[in-house]
Amino acid sequence: MDYQAFIDEQIAAIRDAVGDGTAINALSGGVDSSVVTVLGHRALSERLKTVFIDTALMRQGEPERVAATFAEM
């Protein structure tokens, strides 16, 4: 499968599931939650509300890097 087609399908699925509403997701900084956050932001823009979850198990400085990476979204 073409990766761009997969991305487009997931964005469409998120838009369909949320409709005109607002979605909330949790971001831990791991691969899974980071991908969900990026796809959700592409699908919903300002209608996605992301909550960063600092698990206290991250490396020193990692919570700040994760927060800074996703701050623009």
C-alpha atoms as a PDB file:
ATOM      1  CA  MET A   1       0.000   0.000   0.000  1.00  0.00           C
ATOM      2  CA  ASP A   2       1.108   3.524  -0.770  1.00  0.00           C
ATOM      3  CA  TYR A   3       1.912   5.301   2.511  1.00  0.00           C
ATOM      4  CA  GLN A   4       0.339   8.581   1.339  1.00  0.00           C
ATOM      5  CA  ALA A   5      -2.897   6.751   0.521  1.00  0.00           C
ATOM      6  CA  PHE A   6      -2.851   5.237   4.018  1.00  0.00           C
ATOM      7  CA  ILE A   7      -2.349   8.666   5.608  1.00  0.00           C
ATOM      8  CA  ASP A   8      -5.157  10.152   3.522  1.00  0.00           C
ATOM      9  CA  GLU A   9      -7.484   7.287   4.504  1.00  0.00           C
ATOM     10  CA  GLN A  10      -6.740   7.757   8.206  1.00  0.00           C
ATOM     11  CA  ILE A  11      -7.313  11.508   8.010  1.00  0.00           C
ATOM     12  CA  ALA A  12     -10.635  10.917   6.252  1.00  0.00           C
ATOM     13  CA  ALA A  13     -11.613   8.326   8.869  1.00  0.00           C
ATOM     14  CA  ILE A  14     -10.840  10.739  11.716  1.00  0.00           C
ATOM     15  CA  ARG A  15     -12.864  13.511  10.068  1.00  0.00           C
ATOM     16  CA  ASP A  16     -15.753  11.112   9.518  1.00  0.00           C
ATOM     17  CA  ALA A  17     -15.671   9.848  13.115  1.00  0.00           C
ATOM     18  CA  VAL A  18     -15.486  13.322  14.681  1.00  0.00           C
ATOM     19  CA  GLY A  19     -17.815  15.095  12.273  1.00  0.00           C
ATOM     20  CA  ASP A  20     -18.247  18.717  13.335  1.00  0.00           C
ATOM     21  CA  GLY A  21     -17.208  17.991  16.904  1.00  0.00           C
ATOM     22  CA  THR A  22     -14.011  18.331  18.868  1.00  0.00           C
ATOM     23  CA  ALA A  23     -11.669  15.459  19.705  1.00  0.00           C
ATOM     24  CA  ILE A  24      -9.321  15.004  22.634  1.00  0.00           C
ATOM     25  CA  ASN A  25      -6.184  12.867  22.597  1.00  0.00           C
ATOM     26  CA  ALA A  26      -3.389  12.089  25.035  1.00  0.00           C
ATOM     27  CA  LEU A  27       0.237  12.513  23.979  1.00  0.00           C
ATOM     28  CA  SER A  28       2.953  10.651  25.862  1.00  0.00           C
ATOM     29  CA  GLY A  29       5.739  11.345  23.376  1.00  0.00           C
ATOM     30  CA  GLY A  30       5.955   7.762  22.187  1.00  0.00           C
ATOM     31  CA  VAL A  31       5.617   6.779  18.547  1.00  0.00           C
ATOM     32  CA  ASP A  32       1.970   5.712  18.740  1.00  0.00           C
ATOM     33  CA  SER A  33       0.603   8.795  20.453  1.00  0.00           C
ATOM     34  CA  SER A  34       2.822  11.067  18.352  1.00  0.00           C
ATOM     35  CA  VAL A  35       1.472   9.606  15.104  1.00  0.00           C
ATOM     36  CA  VAL A  36      -2.111   9.864  16.378  1.00  0.00           C
ATOM     37  CA  THR A  37      -1.496  13.496  17.315  1.00  0.00           C
ATOM     38  CA  VAL A  38      -0.056  14.407  13.905  1.00  0.00           C
ATOM     39  CA  LEU A  39      -2.847  12.628  12.001  1.00  0.00           C
ATOM     40  CA  GLY A  40      -5.482  14.132  14.261  1.00  0.00           C
ATOM     41  CA  HIS A  41      -4.054  17.601  13.827  1.00  0.00           C
ATOM     42  CA  ARG A  42      -3.981  17.208  10.046  1.00  0.00           C
ATOM     43  CA  ALA A  43      -7.581  16.028  10.099  1.00  0.00           C
ATOM     44  CA  LEU A  44      -9.058  18.439  12.629  1.00  0.00           C
ATOM     45  CA  SER A  45      -6.615  21.308  13.154  1.00  0.00           C
ATOM     46  CA  GLU A  46      -7.928  23.478  16.017  1.00  0.00           C
ATOM     47  CA  ARG A  47     -10.710  20.987  16.781  1.00  0.00           C
ATOM     48  CA  LEU A  48      -8.158  18.544  18.219  1.00  0.00           C
ATOM     49  CA  LYS A  49      -7.308  19.167  21.859  1.00  0.00           C
ATOM     50  CA  THR A  50      -4.139  17.338  22.884  1.00  0.00           C
ATOM     51  CA  VAL A  51      -3.177  16.684  26.480  1.00  0.00           C
ATOM     52  CA  PHE A  52       0.491  15.907  27.126  1.00  0.00           C
ATOM     53  CA  ILE A  53       0.908  13.158  29.699  1.00  0.00           C
ATOM     54  CA  ASP A  54       4.254  13.242  31.507  1.00  0.00           C
ATOM     55  CA  THR A  55       4.579   9.697  32.811  1.00  0.00           C
ATOM     56  CA  ALA A  56       7.616  10.612  34.950  1.00  0.00           C
ATOM     57  CA  LEU A  57       9.434   7.762  33.190  1.00  0.00           C
ATOM     58  CA  MET A  58      11.028   9.904  30.494  1.00  0.00           C
ATOM     59  CA  ARG A  59      14.665  10.828  30.108  1.00  0.00           C
ATOM     60  CA  GLN A  60      15.874  14.137  31.511  1.00  0.00           C
ATOM     61  CA  GLY A  61      14.680  16.985  29.296  1.00  0.00           C
ATOM     62  CA  GLU A  62      12.430  14.737  27.201  1.00  0.00           C
ATOM     63  CA  PRO A  63       9.106  16.170  28.442  1.00  0.00           C
ATOM     64  CA  GLU A  64      10.267  19.645  27.427  1.00  0.00           C
ATOM     65  CA  ARG A  65      11.358  18.399  23.974  1.00  0.00           C
ATOM     66  CA  VAL A  66       8.032  16.651  23.372  1.00  0.00           C
ATOM     67  CA  ALA A  67       6.068  19.711  24.492  1.00  0.00           C
ATOM     68  CA  ALA A  68       8.178  21.988  22.268  1.00  0.00           C
ATOM     69  CA  THR A  69       7.821  19.686  19.252  1.00  0.00           C
ATOM     70  CA  PHE A  70       4.032  19.671  19.423  1.00  0.00           C
ATOM     71  CA  ALA A  71       3.490  23.221  20.733  1.00  0.00           C
ATOM     72  CA  GLU A  72       2.847  24.608  17.247  1.00  0.00           C
ATOM     73  CA  MET A  73      -0.006  22.165  16.717  1.00  0.00           C
END
